[in-house]
Amino acid sequence: MNEKNYYKVALKIDTEDAKGRLKKRSESYIVEAISPTDVESKIQKSMEGSTEDFEISSVVLTKIIDIIK
């Protein structure tokens, strides 16, 4: 059986405020992947073309079994 794994991923994104100061904004994502390395690859691909710098601050395997759309 092909088991799905869902990871909660936290990103820190550098943004510039109205006064030109750099601030870090936090964003969270749920990513379906087979490993943390796969998560990183998927996030990199998703953020391609973004002008904002980001870093992955955490990757945590969740207990989510499925996502119902």
N, C-alpha and C. Protein backbone atom coordinates (compact mmCIF):
# COMPACT_ATOMS: atom_id res chain seq x y z
N MET A 1 0.85 -1.19 0.00
CA MET A 1 0.00 0.00 0.00
C MET A 1 0.89 1.25 0.00
N ASN A 2 0.54 2.20 -0.84
CA ASN A 2 1.30 3.45 -0.92
C ASN A 2 0.76 4.43 0.11
N GLU A 3 1.45 4.54 1.24
CA GLU A 3 1.00 5.41 2.32
C GLU A 3 1.36 6.86 2.04
N LYS A 4 0.39 7.75 2.23
CA LYS A 4 0.64 9.18 2.06
C LYS A 4 1.17 9.75 3.37
N ASN A 5 2.16 10.61 3.27
CA ASN A 5 2.67 11.34 4.43
C ASN A 5 2.45 12.82 4.20
N TYR A 6 1.97 13.49 5.23
CA TYR A 6 1.76 14.93 5.17
C TYR A 6 2.67 15.59 6.19
N TYR A 7 3.37 16.62 5.76
CA TYR A 7 4.29 17.35 6.61
C TYR A 7 3.81 18.79 6.77
N LYS A 8 3.94 19.30 8.00
CA LYS A 8 3.69 20.72 8.23
C LYS A 8 5.02 21.42 8.08
N VAL A 9 5.05 22.41 7.20
CA VAL A 9 6.28 23.12 6.87
C VAL A 9 6.12 24.59 7.26
N ALA A 10 7.07 25.10 8.01
CA ALA A 10 7.08 26.52 8.38
C ALA A 10 8.18 27.22 7.59
N LEU A 11 7.80 28.32 6.95
CA LEU A 11 8.76 29.14 6.21
C LEU A 11 8.92 30.49 6.87
N LYS A 12 10.11 31.02 6.81
CA LYS A 12 10.39 32.41 7.20
C LYS A 12 10.72 33.14 5.90
N ILE A 13 9.93 34.16 5.60
CA ILE A 13 10.08 34.88 4.34
C ILE A 13 10.50 36.32 4.63
N ASP A 14 11.56 36.77 3.96
CA ASP A 14 12.03 38.15 4.13
C ASP A 14 11.15 39.07 3.30
N THR A 15 10.60 40.09 3.94
CA THR A 15 9.81 41.10 3.25
C THR A 15 10.30 42.48 3.68
N GLU A 16 10.02 43.44 2.86
CA GLU A 16 10.42 44.81 3.15
C GLU A 16 9.18 45.60 3.52
N ASP A 17 9.23 46.33 4.64
CA ASP A 17 8.07 47.13 5.03
C ASP A 17 8.09 48.47 4.31
N ALA A 18 7.11 49.31 4.58
CA ALA A 18 6.96 50.60 3.90
C ALA A 18 8.16 51.53 4.11
N LYS A 19 8.89 51.35 5.22
CA LYS A 19 10.05 52.18 5.51
C LYS A 19 11.35 51.57 4.99
N GLY A 20 11.24 50.45 4.27
CA GLY A 20 12.42 49.83 3.69
C GLY A 20 13.17 48.89 4.61
N ARG A 21 12.60 48.61 5.78
CA ARG A 21 13.25 47.69 6.73
C ARG A 21 12.87 46.25 6.39
N LEU A 22 13.82 45.35 6.56
CA LEU A 22 13.55 43.93 6.32
C LEU A 22 12.84 43.33 7.53
N LYS A 23 11.79 42.60 7.26
CA LYS A 23 11.03 41.90 8.30
C LYS A 23 10.92 40.44 7.87
N LYS A 24 10.76 39.56 8.84
CA LYS A 24 10.53 38.14 8.54
C LYS A 24 9.05 37.85 8.77
N ARG A 25 8.43 37.26 7.76
CA ARG A 25 7.03 36.85 7.83
C ARG A 25 7.00 35.32 7.90
N SER A 26 6.13 34.77 8.73
CA SER A 26 6.00 33.32 8.84
C SER A 26 4.81 32.83 8.02
N GLU A 27 5.00 31.71 7.33
CA GLU A 27 3.92 31.06 6.60
C GLU A 27 4.01 29.56 6.87
N SER A 28 2.85 28.90 6.90
CA SER A 28 2.81 27.45 7.13
C SER A 28 2.12 26.77 5.96
N TYR A 29 2.60 25.58 5.63
CA TYR A 29 2.07 24.79 4.53
C TYR A 29 1.95 23.34 4.96
N ILE A 30 1.01 22.62 4.35
CA ILE A 30 0.93 21.17 4.46
C ILE A 30 1.39 20.63 3.12
N VAL A 31 2.37 19.72 3.16
CA VAL A 31 2.95 19.18 1.93
C VAL A 31 2.85 17.66 1.97
N GLU A 32 2.32 17.08 0.89
CA GLU A 32 2.32 15.62 0.75
C GLU A 32 3.66 15.22 0.14
N ALA A 33 4.39 14.37 0.85
CA ALA A 33 5.73 13.99 0.39
C ALA A 33 6.12 12.65 1.00
N ILE A 34 7.19 12.07 0.46
CA ILE A 34 7.65 10.78 0.98
C ILE A 34 8.74 10.91 2.03
N SER A 35 9.35 12.11 2.11
CA SER A 35 10.43 12.33 3.08
C SER A 35 10.65 13.83 3.26
N PRO A 36 11.37 14.23 4.30
CA PRO A 36 11.69 15.65 4.46
C PRO A 36 12.49 16.22 3.28
N THR A 37 13.33 15.40 2.67
CA THR A 37 14.09 15.85 1.50
C THR A 37 13.14 16.13 0.34
N ASP A 38 12.13 15.29 0.18
CA ASP A 38 11.11 15.50 -0.85
C ASP A 38 10.32 16.78 -0.57
N VAL A 39 10.04 17.03 0.71
CA VAL A 39 9.35 18.27 1.10
C VAL A 39 10.16 19.48 0.65
N GLU A 40 11.44 19.48 0.95
CA GLU A 40 12.31 20.60 0.58
C GLU A 40 12.29 20.83 -0.93
N SER A 41 12.38 19.76 -1.68
CA SER A 41 12.36 19.85 -3.14
C SER A 41 11.04 20.46 -3.63
N LYS A 42 9.93 20.02 -3.05
CA LYS A 42 8.62 20.53 -3.47
C LYS A 42 8.44 22.01 -3.11
N ILE A 43 8.94 22.40 -1.94
CA ILE A 43 8.85 23.81 -1.54
C ILE A 43 9.70 24.67 -2.47
N GLN A 44 10.92 24.23 -2.77
CA GLN A 44 11.80 24.97 -3.68
C GLN A 44 11.11 25.17 -5.04
N LYS A 45 10.50 24.11 -5.55
CA LYS A 45 9.82 24.19 -6.84
C LYS A 45 8.62 25.13 -6.76
N SER A 46 7.88 25.07 -5.67
CA SER A 46 6.70 25.92 -5.49
C SER A 46 7.08 27.41 -5.41
N MET A 47 8.24 27.69 -4.83
CA MET A 47 8.66 29.08 -4.64
C MET A 47 9.49 29.63 -5.82
N GLU A 48 9.70 28.81 -6.86
CA GLU A 48 10.44 29.27 -8.03
C GLU A 48 9.79 30.53 -8.60
N GLY A 49 10.61 31.48 -8.97
CA GLY A 49 10.09 32.71 -9.55
C GLY A 49 9.70 33.75 -8.53
N SER A 50 9.70 33.38 -7.26
CA SER A 50 9.38 34.34 -6.20
C SER A 50 10.55 35.30 -6.04
N THR A 51 10.25 36.56 -5.84
CA THR A 51 11.30 37.55 -5.64
C THR A 51 11.72 37.63 -4.17
N GLU A 52 10.98 36.95 -3.29
CA GLU A 52 11.27 37.01 -1.86
C GLU A 52 12.23 35.89 -1.46
N ASP A 53 13.16 36.22 -0.57
CA ASP A 53 14.05 35.20 -0.01
C ASP A 53 13.30 34.48 1.10
N PHE A 54 13.54 33.18 1.23
CA PHE A 54 12.87 32.40 2.26
C PHE A 54 13.80 31.33 2.79
N GLU A 55 13.45 30.83 3.97
CA GLU A 55 14.15 29.68 4.53
C GLU A 55 13.12 28.77 5.17
N ILE A 56 13.37 27.48 5.09
CA ILE A 56 12.50 26.51 5.74
C ILE A 56 12.94 26.43 7.19
N SER A 57 12.05 26.79 8.11
CA SER A 57 12.44 26.80 9.52
C SER A 57 12.07 25.50 10.23
N SER A 58 11.08 24.75 9.71
CA SER A 58 10.80 23.45 10.30
C SER A 58 10.00 22.58 9.33
N VAL A 59 10.20 21.28 9.47
CA VAL A 59 9.45 20.27 8.72
C VAL A 59 9.06 19.20 9.73
N VAL A 60 7.74 19.01 9.93
CA VAL A 60 7.26 18.08 10.94
C VAL A 60 6.25 17.12 10.31
N LEU A 61 6.47 15.83 10.49
CA LEU A 61 5.52 14.83 10.03
C LEU A 61 4.25 14.95 10.86
N THR A 62 3.10 15.05 10.17
CA THR A 62 1.82 15.20 10.88
C THR A 62 1.15 13.85 11.03
N LYS A 63 0.07 13.84 11.79
CA LYS A 63 -0.74 12.63 11.95
C LYS A 63 -1.94 12.66 11.00
N ILE A 64 -1.95 13.59 10.07
CA ILE A 64 -3.04 13.69 9.09
C ILE A 64 -3.02 12.44 8.22
N ILE A 65 -4.18 11.83 8.05
CA ILE A 65 -4.25 10.61 7.23
C ILE A 65 -4.60 10.93 5.80
N ASP A 66 -5.44 11.95 5.59
CA ASP A 66 -5.86 12.28 4.24
C ASP A 66 -6.40 13.70 4.23
N ILE A 67 -6.43 14.28 3.06
CA ILE A 67 -7.02 15.59 2.86
C ILE A 67 -8.24 15.40 1.98
N ILE A 68 -9.39 15.81 2.47
CA ILE A 68 -10.64 15.67 1.72
C ILE A 68 -10.96 17.03 1.10
N LYS A 69 -11.10 17.02 -0.22
CA LYS A 69 -11.38 18.28 -0.93
C LYS A 69 -12.83 18.36 -1.33
